[in-house]
């Protein structure tokens, strides 16, 4: 199995005045192609920092990050941005939809080449047929998260990263969203989710626990 994400001996250190805080401490983390991985742990354990490294939203202080066979440290800033945009889809807890844009326009926003028909097809895929022209305020929380998932698929990524994708949803909608993510995984998509929700984690093929910047299987 090809590794989509390979993080080796990653440290992330932040300076707070005179103090240094190690958000990650020598983390090793691999995710194979087509896998569905959940990362759990208390607040401050390093979960989101790990996700940011996997998504090239941040770089390690020490260590290596390889995405799709490309070592991130060997890429220029523009190459990193292109890899992030073309290969990774992001799903956030608070949806991060633009309120003045319709569902279809939100999905087209990250597209390298805007395509209305493709946006409609993706919205159909996540169960939002006929709701292309609705604003976020006209959608339920579960529907907003479906738009966010559709947006993450806009550029045909090899990897989806979801940060607390059920954090703003009730139990029914949480389960529906996790079933949708599972369906995408069965179709071959590689997924990493960060979650506090044991129910959400049960949908993953594998779960790792984080504590104090370290991973515990």
N, C-alpha and C. Protein backbone atom coordinates (compact mmCIF):
# COMPACT_ATOMS: atom_id res chain seq x y z
N UNK A 1 0.84 -1.20 0.00
CA UNK A 1 0.00 0.00 0.00
C UNK A 1 0.88 1.26 0.00
N UNK A 2 0.61 2.17 -0.91
CA UNK A 2 1.35 3.42 -1.00
C UNK A 2 0.96 4.35 0.15
N UNK A 3 1.95 4.98 0.77
CA UNK A 3 1.67 5.95 1.82
C UNK A 3 1.33 7.30 1.20
N UNK A 4 0.14 7.81 1.51
CA UNK A 4 -0.25 9.15 1.07
C UNK A 4 0.42 10.19 1.96
N UNK A 5 0.40 9.94 3.28
CA UNK A 5 1.05 10.82 4.25
C UNK A 5 2.10 10.03 5.01
N UNK A 6 3.29 10.60 5.11
CA UNK A 6 4.37 9.98 5.88
C UNK A 6 5.08 11.09 6.66
N UNK A 7 4.82 11.14 7.95
CA UNK A 7 5.44 12.14 8.83
C UNK A 7 6.45 11.42 9.71
N UNK A 8 7.71 11.88 9.64
CA UNK A 8 8.78 11.20 10.36
C UNK A 8 9.42 12.12 11.40
N UNK A 9 9.44 11.65 12.64
CA UNK A 9 10.13 12.32 13.74
C UNK A 9 9.84 13.82 13.74
N UNK A 10 8.55 14.17 13.66
CA UNK A 10 8.16 15.58 13.55
C UNK A 10 8.04 16.24 14.92
N UNK A 11 8.69 17.36 15.04
CA UNK A 11 8.58 18.23 16.21
C UNK A 11 8.00 19.56 15.75
N UNK A 12 7.14 20.12 16.59
CA UNK A 12 6.65 21.48 16.34
C UNK A 12 6.76 22.26 17.64
N UNK A 13 7.62 23.27 17.61
CA UNK A 13 7.91 24.04 18.81
C UNK A 13 7.48 25.49 18.61
N UNK A 14 6.74 26.00 19.58
CA UNK A 14 6.31 27.39 19.57
C UNK A 14 6.99 28.13 20.71
N UNK A 15 7.38 29.37 20.46
CA UNK A 15 7.96 30.19 21.53
C UNK A 15 6.90 31.11 22.10
N UNK A 16 6.72 31.06 23.41
CA UNK A 16 5.80 31.93 24.13
C UNK A 16 6.64 32.75 25.11
N UNK A 17 7.15 33.90 24.62
CA UNK A 17 8.06 34.68 25.44
C UNK A 17 9.38 33.93 25.59
N UNK A 18 9.73 33.67 26.82
CA UNK A 18 10.97 32.93 27.10
C UNK A 18 10.75 31.41 27.07
N UNK A 19 9.48 31.01 27.05
CA UNK A 19 9.16 29.59 27.15
C UNK A 19 8.99 28.96 25.78
N UNK A 20 9.44 27.71 25.64
CA UNK A 20 9.21 26.94 24.44
C UNK A 20 8.19 25.84 24.71
N UNK A 21 7.20 25.74 23.83
CA UNK A 21 6.16 24.72 23.97
C UNK A 21 6.25 23.76 22.80
N UNK A 22 6.40 22.48 23.11
CA UNK A 22 6.47 21.46 22.07
C UNK A 22 5.08 20.90 21.81
N UNK A 23 4.44 21.40 20.74
CA UNK A 23 3.10 20.91 20.38
C UNK A 23 3.15 19.49 19.85
N UNK A 24 4.26 19.15 19.18
CA UNK A 24 4.52 17.78 18.73
C UNK A 24 5.92 17.39 19.17
N UNK A 25 6.06 16.13 19.59
CA UNK A 25 7.34 15.67 20.11
C UNK A 25 7.75 14.35 19.43
N UNK A 26 8.46 14.48 18.32
CA UNK A 26 8.97 13.29 17.64
C UNK A 26 7.91 12.37 17.10
N UNK A 27 6.88 12.92 16.48
CA UNK A 27 5.75 12.13 16.01
C UNK A 27 6.08 11.42 14.70
N UNK A 28 5.71 10.14 14.64
CA UNK A 28 5.77 9.35 13.40
C UNK A 28 4.34 8.93 13.05
N UNK A 29 3.94 9.21 11.81
CA UNK A 29 2.53 9.04 11.45
C UNK A 29 2.45 8.72 9.96
N UNK A 30 1.91 7.55 9.64
CA UNK A 30 1.74 7.14 8.25
C UNK A 30 0.27 6.83 7.97
N UNK A 31 -0.17 7.23 6.79
CA UNK A 31 -1.53 6.91 6.35
C UNK A 31 -1.44 6.38 4.92
N UNK A 32 -1.86 5.13 4.72
CA UNK A 32 -1.79 4.51 3.41
C UNK A 32 -2.92 4.94 2.50
N UNK A 33 -2.70 4.78 1.22
CA UNK A 33 -3.70 5.13 0.21
C UNK A 33 -4.99 4.35 0.46
N UNK A 34 -6.13 5.08 0.49
CA UNK A 34 -7.42 4.45 0.70
C UNK A 34 -7.76 4.18 2.15
N UNK A 35 -6.92 4.63 3.07
CA UNK A 35 -7.19 4.41 4.50
C UNK A 35 -8.14 5.46 5.05
N UNK A 36 -8.71 5.16 6.22
CA UNK A 36 -9.56 6.08 6.95
C UNK A 36 -9.05 6.09 8.39
N UNK A 37 -8.38 7.18 8.75
CA UNK A 37 -7.72 7.28 10.05
C UNK A 37 -8.40 8.34 10.92
N UNK A 38 -8.61 7.99 12.19
CA UNK A 38 -9.13 8.96 13.16
C UNK A 38 -8.03 9.26 14.18
N UNK A 39 -7.91 10.53 14.55
CA UNK A 39 -6.95 10.96 15.56
C UNK A 39 -7.76 11.57 16.71
N UNK A 40 -7.57 10.99 17.91
CA UNK A 40 -8.31 11.45 19.08
C UNK A 40 -7.34 11.91 20.16
N UNK A 41 -7.89 12.64 21.13
CA UNK A 41 -7.07 13.10 22.24
C UNK A 41 -7.66 14.37 22.82
N UNK A 42 -7.27 14.74 24.04
CA UNK A 42 -7.80 15.94 24.68
C UNK A 42 -7.32 17.21 23.99
N UNK A 43 -7.96 18.32 24.30
CA UNK A 43 -7.51 19.61 23.77
C UNK A 43 -6.06 19.86 24.18
N UNK A 44 -5.27 20.36 23.23
CA UNK A 44 -3.88 20.62 23.52
C UNK A 44 -2.97 19.43 23.35
N UNK A 45 -3.51 18.32 22.85
CA UNK A 45 -2.69 17.11 22.71
C UNK A 45 -1.84 17.11 21.45
N UNK A 46 -2.14 18.03 20.51
CA UNK A 46 -1.37 18.10 19.27
C UNK A 46 -2.11 17.62 18.04
N UNK A 47 -3.40 17.28 18.18
CA UNK A 47 -4.18 16.72 17.06
C UNK A 47 -4.23 17.68 15.87
N UNK A 48 -4.64 18.91 16.14
CA UNK A 48 -4.78 19.87 15.04
C UNK A 48 -3.43 20.24 14.44
N UNK A 49 -2.40 20.30 15.27
CA UNK A 49 -1.05 20.57 14.75
C UNK A 49 -0.64 19.48 13.78
N UNK A 50 -0.90 18.22 14.14
CA UNK A 50 -0.59 17.10 13.26
C UNK A 50 -1.35 17.22 11.95
N UNK A 51 -2.62 17.57 12.03
CA UNK A 51 -3.44 17.72 10.82
C UNK A 51 -2.90 18.84 9.94
N UNK A 52 -2.45 19.92 10.56
CA UNK A 52 -1.89 21.05 9.80
C UNK A 52 -0.61 20.64 9.06
N UNK A 53 0.20 19.79 9.69
CA UNK A 53 1.40 19.31 9.00
C UNK A 53 1.02 18.43 7.82
N UNK A 54 0.04 17.54 8.03
CA UNK A 54 -0.41 16.65 6.95
C UNK A 54 -1.00 17.43 5.79
N UNK A 55 -1.59 18.60 6.09
CA UNK A 55 -2.22 19.42 5.05
C UNK A 55 -1.35 20.54 4.53
N UNK A 56 -0.09 20.56 4.91
CA UNK A 56 0.87 21.61 4.52
C UNK A 56 0.34 23.00 4.87
N UNK A 57 -0.44 23.08 5.94
CA UNK A 57 -0.85 24.38 6.47
C UNK A 57 0.22 24.93 7.41
N UNK A 58 1.12 24.06 7.82
CA UNK A 58 2.24 24.42 8.69
C UNK A 58 3.38 23.45 8.38
N UNK A 59 4.57 23.82 8.81
CA UNK A 59 5.75 22.98 8.60
C UNK A 59 6.35 22.61 9.95
N UNK A 60 6.96 21.44 10.06
CA UNK A 60 7.55 21.05 11.34
C UNK A 60 8.80 21.86 11.66
N UNK A 61 9.06 22.03 12.95
CA UNK A 61 10.30 22.66 13.37
C UNK A 61 11.47 21.74 13.06
N UNK A 62 11.27 20.45 13.28
CA UNK A 62 12.23 19.40 12.92
C UNK A 62 11.45 18.22 12.39
N UNK A 63 12.10 17.42 11.54
CA UNK A 63 11.44 16.23 11.00
C UNK A 63 11.01 16.43 9.55
N UNK A 64 10.43 15.40 8.98
CA UNK A 64 10.04 15.42 7.57
C UNK A 64 8.57 15.09 7.38
N UNK A 65 7.97 15.74 6.39
CA UNK A 65 6.61 15.46 5.96
C UNK A 65 6.64 15.12 4.47
N UNK A 66 6.13 13.96 4.12
CA UNK A 66 6.04 13.55 2.71
C UNK A 66 4.57 13.35 2.37
N UNK A 67 4.15 13.98 1.30
CA UNK A 67 2.75 13.88 0.86
C UNK A 67 2.72 13.39 -0.58
N UNK A 68 2.05 12.25 -0.79
CA UNK A 68 1.96 11.70 -2.14
C UNK A 68 3.32 11.46 -2.77
N UNK A 69 4.30 11.08 -1.93
CA UNK A 69 5.63 10.77 -2.43
C UNK A 69 6.55 11.98 -2.57
N UNK A 70 6.04 13.19 -2.26
CA UNK A 70 6.85 14.41 -2.39
C UNK A 70 7.22 14.94 -1.00
N UNK A 71 8.52 15.12 -0.76
CA UNK A 71 8.98 15.65 0.52
C UNK A 71 8.72 17.16 0.53
N UNK A 72 7.91 17.59 1.47
CA UNK A 72 7.43 18.97 1.49
C UNK A 72 8.58 19.96 1.64
N UNK A 73 9.59 19.63 2.43
CA UNK A 73 10.70 20.55 2.68
C UNK A 73 11.53 20.83 1.43
N UNK A 74 11.41 19.98 0.41
CA UNK A 74 12.17 20.16 -0.82
C UNK A 74 11.40 20.97 -1.86
N UNK A 75 10.18 21.38 -1.52
CA UNK A 75 9.35 22.15 -2.44
C UNK A 75 9.43 23.64 -2.12
N UNK A 76 9.29 24.47 -3.13
CA UNK A 76 9.21 25.92 -2.91
C UNK A 76 7.85 26.26 -2.30
N UNK A 77 7.71 27.48 -1.83
CA UNK A 77 6.44 27.92 -1.27
C UNK A 77 5.30 27.80 -2.26
N UNK A 78 5.55 28.16 -3.53
CA UNK A 78 4.53 28.05 -4.56
C UNK A 78 4.18 26.60 -4.85
N UNK A 79 5.19 25.74 -4.84
CA UNK A 79 4.95 24.31 -5.08
C UNK A 79 4.16 23.70 -3.93
N UNK A 80 4.46 24.12 -2.71
CA UNK A 80 3.69 23.64 -1.55
C UNK A 80 2.22 24.08 -1.66
N UNK A 81 2.01 25.33 -2.05
CA UNK A 81 0.64 25.86 -2.18
C UNK A 81 -0.11 25.11 -3.27
N UNK A 82 0.57 24.81 -4.39
CA UNK A 82 -0.08 24.08 -5.48
C UNK A 82 -0.43 22.65 -5.04
N UNK A 83 0.49 22.01 -4.32
CA UNK A 83 0.23 20.65 -3.84
C UNK A 83 -0.95 20.64 -2.87
N UNK A 84 -0.99 21.62 -1.99
CA UNK A 84 -2.08 21.72 -1.02
C UNK A 84 -3.42 21.92 -1.72
N UNK A 85 -3.43 22.79 -2.70
CA UNK A 85 -4.69 23.11 -3.38
C UNK A 85 -5.18 21.99 -4.28
N UNK A 86 -4.24 21.32 -4.94
CA UNK A 86 -4.63 20.32 -5.94
C UNK A 86 -4.80 18.92 -5.37
N UNK A 87 -4.19 18.63 -4.22
CA UNK A 87 -4.17 17.26 -3.72
C UNK A 87 -4.92 17.04 -2.41
N UNK A 88 -5.27 18.15 -1.72
CA UNK A 88 -5.86 18.02 -0.39
C UNK A 88 -7.20 18.75 -0.33
N UNK A 89 -8.20 18.09 0.26
CA UNK A 89 -9.48 18.74 0.54
C UNK A 89 -9.63 18.90 2.05
N UNK A 90 -10.11 20.06 2.47
CA UNK A 90 -10.24 20.36 3.90
C UNK A 90 -11.71 20.49 4.28
N UNK A 91 -12.06 19.89 5.43
CA UNK A 91 -13.41 20.03 6.01
C UNK A 91 -13.23 20.51 7.44
N UNK A 92 -13.91 21.61 7.78
CA UNK A 92 -13.72 22.23 9.10
C UNK A 92 -14.97 22.09 9.97
N UNK A 93 -14.76 22.24 11.27
CA UNK A 93 -15.85 22.08 12.23
C UNK A 93 -16.98 23.09 11.99
N UNK A 94 -16.61 24.33 11.73
CA UNK A 94 -17.62 25.39 11.59
C UNK A 94 -17.93 25.68 10.13
N UNK A 95 -17.70 24.71 9.28
CA UNK A 95 -18.09 24.72 7.87
C UNK A 95 -17.27 25.71 7.02
N UNK A 96 -17.07 26.95 7.54
CA UNK A 96 -16.29 27.96 6.82
C UNK A 96 -16.84 28.26 5.43
N UNK A 97 -18.16 28.27 5.31
CA UNK A 97 -18.79 28.66 4.05
C UNK A 97 -18.92 30.19 4.00
N UNK A 98 -18.85 30.76 2.80
CA UNK A 98 -19.07 32.19 2.65
C UNK A 98 -20.57 32.44 2.57
N UNK A 99 -21.07 33.25 3.50
CA UNK A 99 -22.52 33.41 3.67
C UNK A 99 -23.21 34.03 2.47
N UNK A 100 -22.47 34.84 1.69
CA UNK A 100 -23.10 35.52 0.55
C UNK A 100 -23.08 34.70 -0.72
N UNK A 101 -22.45 33.52 -0.66
CA UNK A 101 -22.37 32.66 -1.84
C UNK A 101 -23.33 31.48 -1.71
N UNK A 102 -23.86 31.02 -2.83
CA UNK A 102 -24.74 29.85 -2.83
C UNK A 102 -23.91 28.59 -2.59
N UNK A 103 -24.62 27.48 -2.39
CA UNK A 103 -23.94 26.20 -2.22
C UNK A 103 -23.03 25.92 -3.40
N UNK A 104 -23.54 26.11 -4.61
CA UNK A 104 -22.74 25.84 -5.81
C UNK A 104 -21.53 26.77 -5.88
N UNK A 105 -21.71 28.02 -5.54
CA UNK A 105 -20.60 28.98 -5.60
C UNK A 105 -19.55 28.66 -4.54
N UNK A 106 -19.98 28.20 -3.37
CA UNK A 106 -19.02 27.80 -2.34
C UNK A 106 -18.18 26.61 -2.81
N UNK A 107 -18.83 25.68 -3.51
CA UNK A 107 -18.10 24.51 -4.01
C UNK A 107 -17.11 24.92 -5.10
N UNK A 108 -17.48 25.87 -5.93
CA UNK A 108 -16.60 26.31 -7.02
C UNK A 108 -15.43 27.16 -6.53
N UNK A 109 -15.54 27.72 -5.33
CA UNK A 109 -14.55 28.68 -4.84
C UNK A 109 -13.11 28.19 -4.94
N UNK A 110 -12.79 26.96 -4.49
CA UNK A 110 -11.39 26.52 -4.56
C UNK A 110 -10.98 25.93 -5.91
N UNK A 111 -11.93 25.82 -6.85
CA UNK A 111 -11.62 25.15 -8.12
C UNK A 111 -10.54 25.90 -8.88
N UNK A 112 -9.58 25.15 -9.39
CA UNK A 112 -8.54 25.74 -10.22
C UNK A 112 -9.17 26.30 -11.50
N UNK A 113 -10.16 25.59 -12.03
CA UNK A 113 -10.93 26.07 -13.17
C UNK A 113 -12.41 25.93 -12.82
N UNK A 114 -13.10 27.04 -12.45
CA UNK A 114 -14.50 26.97 -12.04
C UNK A 114 -15.38 26.25 -13.06
N UNK A 115 -16.22 25.34 -12.55
CA UNK A 115 -17.03 24.50 -13.42
C UNK A 115 -18.38 24.26 -12.74
N UNK A 116 -19.42 24.92 -13.22
CA UNK A 116 -20.74 24.81 -12.60
C UNK A 116 -21.28 23.39 -12.66
N UNK A 117 -21.12 22.73 -13.79
CA UNK A 117 -21.66 21.38 -13.93
C UNK A 117 -20.97 20.41 -12.98
N UNK A 118 -19.67 20.55 -12.84
CA UNK A 118 -18.95 19.70 -11.90
C UNK A 118 -19.40 19.97 -10.47
N UNK A 119 -19.61 21.25 -10.12
CA UNK A 119 -20.08 21.60 -8.78
C UNK A 119 -21.43 20.96 -8.50
N UNK A 120 -22.33 20.99 -9.48
CA UNK A 120 -23.64 20.36 -9.33
C UNK A 120 -23.50 18.85 -9.13
N UNK A 121 -22.63 18.24 -9.90
CA UNK A 121 -22.42 16.79 -9.78
C UNK A 121 -21.92 16.42 -8.39
N UNK A 122 -21.00 17.23 -7.86
CA UNK A 122 -20.46 16.94 -6.52
C UNK A 122 -21.55 17.14 -5.47
N UNK A 123 -22.35 18.19 -5.62
CA UNK A 123 -23.45 18.41 -4.67
C UNK A 123 -24.46 17.27 -4.73
N UNK A 124 -24.72 16.76 -5.93
CA UNK A 124 -25.58 15.58 -6.07
C UNK A 124 -24.98 14.40 -5.31
N UNK A 125 -23.68 14.26 -5.43
CA UNK A 125 -22.96 13.13 -4.82
C UNK A 125 -23.10 13.14 -3.29
N UNK A 126 -23.18 14.33 -2.70
CA UNK A 126 -23.30 14.41 -1.23
C UNK A 126 -24.76 14.59 -0.78
N UNK A 127 -25.71 14.37 -1.70
CA UNK A 127 -27.12 14.38 -1.33
C UNK A 127 -27.79 15.73 -1.28
N UNK A 128 -27.30 16.68 -2.09
CA UNK A 128 -27.89 18.03 -2.08
C UNK A 128 -28.46 18.40 -3.45
N UNK A 129 -29.08 17.41 -4.09
CA UNK A 129 -29.71 17.65 -5.38
C UNK A 129 -30.73 18.78 -5.25
N UNK A 130 -30.70 19.72 -6.21
CA UNK A 130 -31.70 20.78 -6.24
C UNK A 130 -31.48 21.90 -5.25
N UNK A 131 -30.40 21.84 -4.46
CA UNK A 131 -30.15 22.91 -3.47
C UNK A 131 -28.92 23.74 -3.87
N UNK A 132 -28.64 23.74 -5.15
CA UNK A 132 -27.45 24.41 -5.66
C UNK A 132 -27.44 25.91 -5.36
N UNK A 133 -28.61 26.54 -5.41
CA UNK A 133 -28.67 28.00 -5.33
C UNK A 133 -29.08 28.51 -3.94
N UNK A 134 -29.07 27.64 -2.97
CA UNK A 134 -29.41 28.07 -1.62
C UNK A 134 -28.18 28.65 -0.90
N UNK A 135 -28.43 29.69 -0.13
CA UNK A 135 -27.38 30.28 0.69
C UNK A 135 -27.20 29.44 1.96
N UNK A 136 -26.05 29.53 2.61
CA UNK A 136 -25.85 28.77 3.85
C UNK A 136 -26.96 29.00 4.88
N UNK A 137 -27.49 30.21 4.95
CA UNK A 137 -28.54 30.52 5.92
C UNK A 137 -29.84 29.78 5.62
N UNK A 138 -29.96 29.26 4.41
CA UNK A 138 -31.16 28.52 4.00
C UNK A 138 -30.98 27.00 4.13
N UNK A 139 -29.85 26.59 4.71
CA UNK A 139 -29.54 25.18 4.86
C UNK A 139 -29.46 24.81 6.34
N UNK A 140 -29.72 23.54 6.64
CA UNK A 140 -29.52 23.04 8.00
C UNK A 140 -28.03 22.87 8.27
N UNK A 141 -27.66 22.65 9.53
CA UNK A 141 -26.26 22.42 9.87
C UNK A 141 -25.67 21.23 9.14
N UNK A 142 -26.45 20.15 9.06
CA UNK A 142 -25.98 18.97 8.35
C UNK A 142 -25.78 19.24 6.87
N UNK A 143 -26.68 20.04 6.29
CA UNK A 143 -26.55 20.38 4.86
C UNK A 143 -25.35 21.30 4.62
N UNK A 144 -25.12 22.22 5.56
CA UNK A 144 -23.93 23.08 5.42
C UNK A 144 -22.65 22.25 5.43
N UNK A 145 -22.60 21.24 6.32
CA UNK A 145 -21.40 20.40 6.36
C UNK A 145 -21.27 19.58 5.08
N UNK A 146 -22.39 19.20 4.49
CA UNK A 146 -22.35 18.48 3.21
C UNK A 146 -21.78 19.39 2.11
N UNK A 147 -22.16 20.67 2.14
CA UNK A 147 -21.58 21.61 1.18
C UNK A 147 -20.07 21.71 1.40
N UNK A 148 -19.66 21.75 2.68
CA UNK A 148 -18.23 21.83 3.00
C UNK A 148 -17.49 20.60 2.49
N UNK A 149 -18.12 19.43 2.61
CA UNK A 149 -17.50 18.20 2.09
C UNK A 149 -17.44 18.26 0.57
N UNK A 150 -18.52 18.74 -0.05
CA UNK A 150 -18.52 18.89 -1.52
C UNK A 150 -17.39 19.82 -1.95
N UNK A 151 -17.23 20.92 -1.23
CA UNK A 151 -16.15 21.87 -1.56
C UNK A 151 -14.78 21.19 -1.46
N UNK A 152 -14.62 20.30 -0.49
CA UNK A 152 -13.33 19.61 -0.31
C UNK A 152 -13.01 18.69 -1.49
N UNK A 153 -14.04 18.30 -2.24
CA UNK A 153 -13.86 17.39 -3.39
C UNK A 153 -13.67 18.14 -4.70
N UNK A 154 -13.68 19.47 -4.66
CA UNK A 154 -13.75 20.28 -5.88
C UNK A 154 -12.59 20.02 -6.84
N UNK A 155 -11.39 19.77 -6.32
CA UNK A 155 -10.23 19.60 -7.19
C UNK A 155 -9.74 18.14 -7.27
N UNK A 156 -10.65 17.21 -7.00
CA UNK A 156 -10.33 15.78 -7.07
C UNK A 156 -9.08 15.44 -6.25
N UNK A 157 -9.12 15.69 -4.94
CA UNK A 157 -7.94 15.48 -4.10
C UNK A 157 -7.64 14.00 -3.91
N UNK A 158 -6.40 13.73 -3.45
CA UNK A 158 -6.05 12.37 -3.07
C UNK A 158 -6.28 12.14 -1.58
N UNK A 159 -6.52 13.24 -0.84
CA UNK A 159 -6.62 13.18 0.62
C UNK A 159 -7.63 14.20 1.11
N UNK A 160 -8.49 13.78 2.04
CA UNK A 160 -9.38 14.72 2.74
C UNK A 160 -8.99 14.75 4.21
N UNK A 161 -8.82 15.97 4.73
CA UNK A 161 -8.54 16.19 6.14
C UNK A 161 -9.74 16.87 6.76
N UNK A 162 -10.28 16.28 7.82
CA UNK A 162 -11.48 16.82 8.46
C UNK A 162 -11.20 17.09 9.94
N UNK A 163 -11.32 18.35 10.34
CA UNK A 163 -11.05 18.76 11.71
C UNK A 163 -12.37 18.90 12.46
N UNK A 164 -12.67 17.95 13.33
CA UNK A 164 -13.93 17.93 14.10
C UNK A 164 -15.15 18.10 13.18
N UNK A 165 -15.32 17.24 12.18
CA UNK A 165 -16.39 17.43 11.20
C UNK A 165 -17.80 17.31 11.78
N UNK A 166 -17.94 16.71 12.98
CA UNK A 166 -19.26 16.58 13.59
C UNK A 166 -19.41 17.48 14.82
N UNK A 167 -18.42 18.32 15.06
CA UNK A 167 -18.39 19.10 16.30
C UNK A 167 -19.55 20.06 16.49
N UNK A 168 -20.16 20.53 15.39
CA UNK A 168 -21.25 21.50 15.47
C UNK A 168 -22.62 20.85 15.21
N UNK A 169 -22.65 19.52 15.14
CA UNK A 169 -23.87 18.84 14.71
C UNK A 169 -24.48 17.98 15.81
N UNK A 170 -25.80 17.76 15.70
CA UNK A 170 -26.47 16.86 16.63
C UNK A 170 -26.15 15.41 16.24
N UNK A 171 -26.62 14.48 17.07
CA UNK A 171 -26.26 13.07 16.87
C UNK A 171 -26.71 12.54 15.51
N UNK A 172 -27.93 12.87 15.11
CA UNK A 172 -28.46 12.37 13.84
C UNK A 172 -27.62 12.86 12.66
N UNK A 173 -27.36 14.17 12.63
CA UNK A 173 -26.58 14.73 11.53
C UNK A 173 -25.13 14.27 11.58
N UNK A 174 -24.60 14.09 12.79
CA UNK A 174 -23.24 13.59 12.93
C UNK A 174 -23.10 12.23 12.27
N UNK A 175 -24.05 11.35 12.54
CA UNK A 175 -24.01 10.02 11.96
C UNK A 175 -24.13 10.08 10.43
N UNK A 176 -25.00 10.95 9.94
CA UNK A 176 -25.18 11.09 8.49
C UNK A 176 -23.89 11.56 7.82
N UNK A 177 -23.20 12.51 8.46
CA UNK A 177 -21.95 13.02 7.91
C UNK A 177 -20.88 11.93 7.92
N UNK A 178 -20.81 11.17 9.00
CA UNK A 178 -19.81 10.10 9.07
C UNK A 178 -20.11 8.99 8.07
N UNK A 179 -21.39 8.72 7.84
CA UNK A 179 -21.75 7.73 6.82
C UNK A 179 -21.34 8.22 5.43
N UNK A 180 -21.48 9.53 5.19
CA UNK A 180 -21.07 10.10 3.91
C UNK A 180 -19.55 10.00 3.73
N UNK A 181 -18.80 10.32 4.78
CA UNK A 181 -17.34 10.22 4.70
C UNK A 181 -16.91 8.77 4.49
N UNK A 182 -17.60 7.85 5.15
CA UNK A 182 -17.30 6.43 4.97
C UNK A 182 -17.55 6.00 3.53
N UNK A 183 -18.62 6.50 2.95
CA UNK A 183 -18.95 6.19 1.55
C UNK A 183 -17.85 6.70 0.62
N UNK A 184 -17.33 7.90 0.89
CA UNK A 184 -16.24 8.44 0.09
C UNK A 184 -15.00 7.56 0.23
N UNK A 185 -14.74 7.10 1.44
CA UNK A 185 -13.59 6.22 1.68
C UNK A 185 -13.74 4.90 0.93
N UNK A 186 -14.93 4.35 0.92
CA UNK A 186 -15.17 3.10 0.18
C UNK A 186 -14.95 3.29 -1.31
N UNK A 187 -15.11 4.54 -1.76
CA UNK A 187 -14.86 4.84 -3.16
C UNK A 187 -13.39 5.07 -3.47
N UNK A 188 -12.53 4.93 -2.43
CA UNK A 188 -11.09 5.04 -2.64
C UNK A 188 -10.42 6.25 -2.06
N UNK A 189 -11.21 7.18 -1.47
CA UNK A 189 -10.64 8.39 -0.91
C UNK A 189 -9.90 8.11 0.39
N UNK A 190 -8.74 8.72 0.57
CA UNK A 190 -7.99 8.63 1.82
C UNK A 190 -8.47 9.74 2.75
N UNK A 191 -8.76 9.36 4.01
CA UNK A 191 -9.35 10.31 4.96
C UNK A 191 -8.60 10.31 6.28
N UNK A 192 -8.40 11.50 6.83
CA UNK A 192 -7.92 11.65 8.20
C UNK A 192 -8.88 12.60 8.90
N UNK A 193 -9.43 12.15 10.02
CA UNK A 193 -10.29 13.05 10.81
C UNK A 193 -9.69 13.22 12.20
N UNK A 194 -9.81 14.43 12.71
CA UNK A 194 -9.51 14.73 14.10
C UNK A 194 -10.85 14.88 14.81
N UNK A 195 -11.03 14.19 15.92
CA UNK A 195 -12.33 14.23 16.58
C UNK A 195 -12.24 13.97 18.07
N UNK A 196 -13.19 14.57 18.80
CA UNK A 196 -13.39 14.23 20.21
C UNK A 196 -14.51 13.20 20.36
N UNK A 197 -15.19 12.90 19.26
CA UNK A 197 -16.43 12.14 19.29
C UNK A 197 -16.15 10.64 19.08
N UNK A 198 -16.32 9.81 20.11
CA UNK A 198 -16.08 8.37 19.96
C UNK A 198 -16.95 7.74 18.88
N UNK A 199 -18.18 8.24 18.73
CA UNK A 199 -19.06 7.71 17.68
C UNK A 199 -18.45 7.94 16.32
N UNK A 200 -17.93 9.13 16.08
CA UNK A 200 -17.32 9.44 14.79
C UNK A 200 -16.09 8.57 14.55
N UNK A 201 -15.29 8.39 15.58
CA UNK A 201 -14.05 7.60 15.44
C UNK A 201 -14.35 6.16 15.08
N UNK A 202 -15.50 5.63 15.49
CA UNK A 202 -15.83 4.23 15.21
C UNK A 202 -15.98 3.96 13.72
N UNK A 203 -16.21 4.99 12.94
CA UNK A 203 -16.36 4.81 11.49
C UNK A 203 -15.01 4.61 10.81
N UNK A 204 -13.92 5.02 11.48
CA UNK A 204 -12.59 4.92 10.88
C UNK A 204 -12.08 3.48 10.93
N UNK A 205 -11.15 3.18 10.03
CA UNK A 205 -10.52 1.85 10.03
C UNK A 205 -9.52 1.71 11.17
N UNK A 206 -8.93 2.84 11.55
CA UNK A 206 -7.93 2.83 12.61
C UNK A 206 -7.99 4.14 13.38
N UNK A 207 -7.77 4.07 14.70
CA UNK A 207 -7.75 5.26 15.54
C UNK A 207 -6.44 5.31 16.31
N UNK A 208 -5.83 6.50 16.33
CA UNK A 208 -4.67 6.72 17.18
C UNK A 208 -5.02 7.78 18.22
N UNK A 209 -4.43 7.66 19.39
CA UNK A 209 -4.64 8.60 20.48
C UNK A 209 -3.42 9.51 20.62
N UNK A 210 -3.69 10.78 20.88
CA UNK A 210 -2.59 11.71 21.14
C UNK A 210 -2.67 12.26 22.56
N UNK A 211 -1.53 12.49 23.13
CA UNK A 211 -1.43 13.08 24.47
C UNK A 211 -0.09 13.81 24.55
N UNK A 212 -0.13 15.07 24.94
CA UNK A 212 1.11 15.85 25.16
C UNK A 212 2.04 15.80 23.95
N UNK A 213 1.46 15.92 22.75
CA UNK A 213 2.29 16.00 21.56
C UNK A 213 2.85 14.70 21.04
N UNK A 214 2.37 13.58 21.60
CA UNK A 214 2.86 12.26 21.18
C UNK A 214 1.69 11.37 20.78
N UNK A 215 1.98 10.39 19.93
CA UNK A 215 0.96 9.45 19.48
C UNK A 215 1.08 8.15 20.25
N UNK A 216 -0.10 7.65 20.67
CA UNK A 216 -0.18 6.33 21.32
C UNK A 216 -1.15 5.51 20.51
N UNK A 217 -0.70 4.38 20.01
CA UNK A 217 -1.58 3.53 19.16
C UNK A 217 -2.78 3.05 19.97
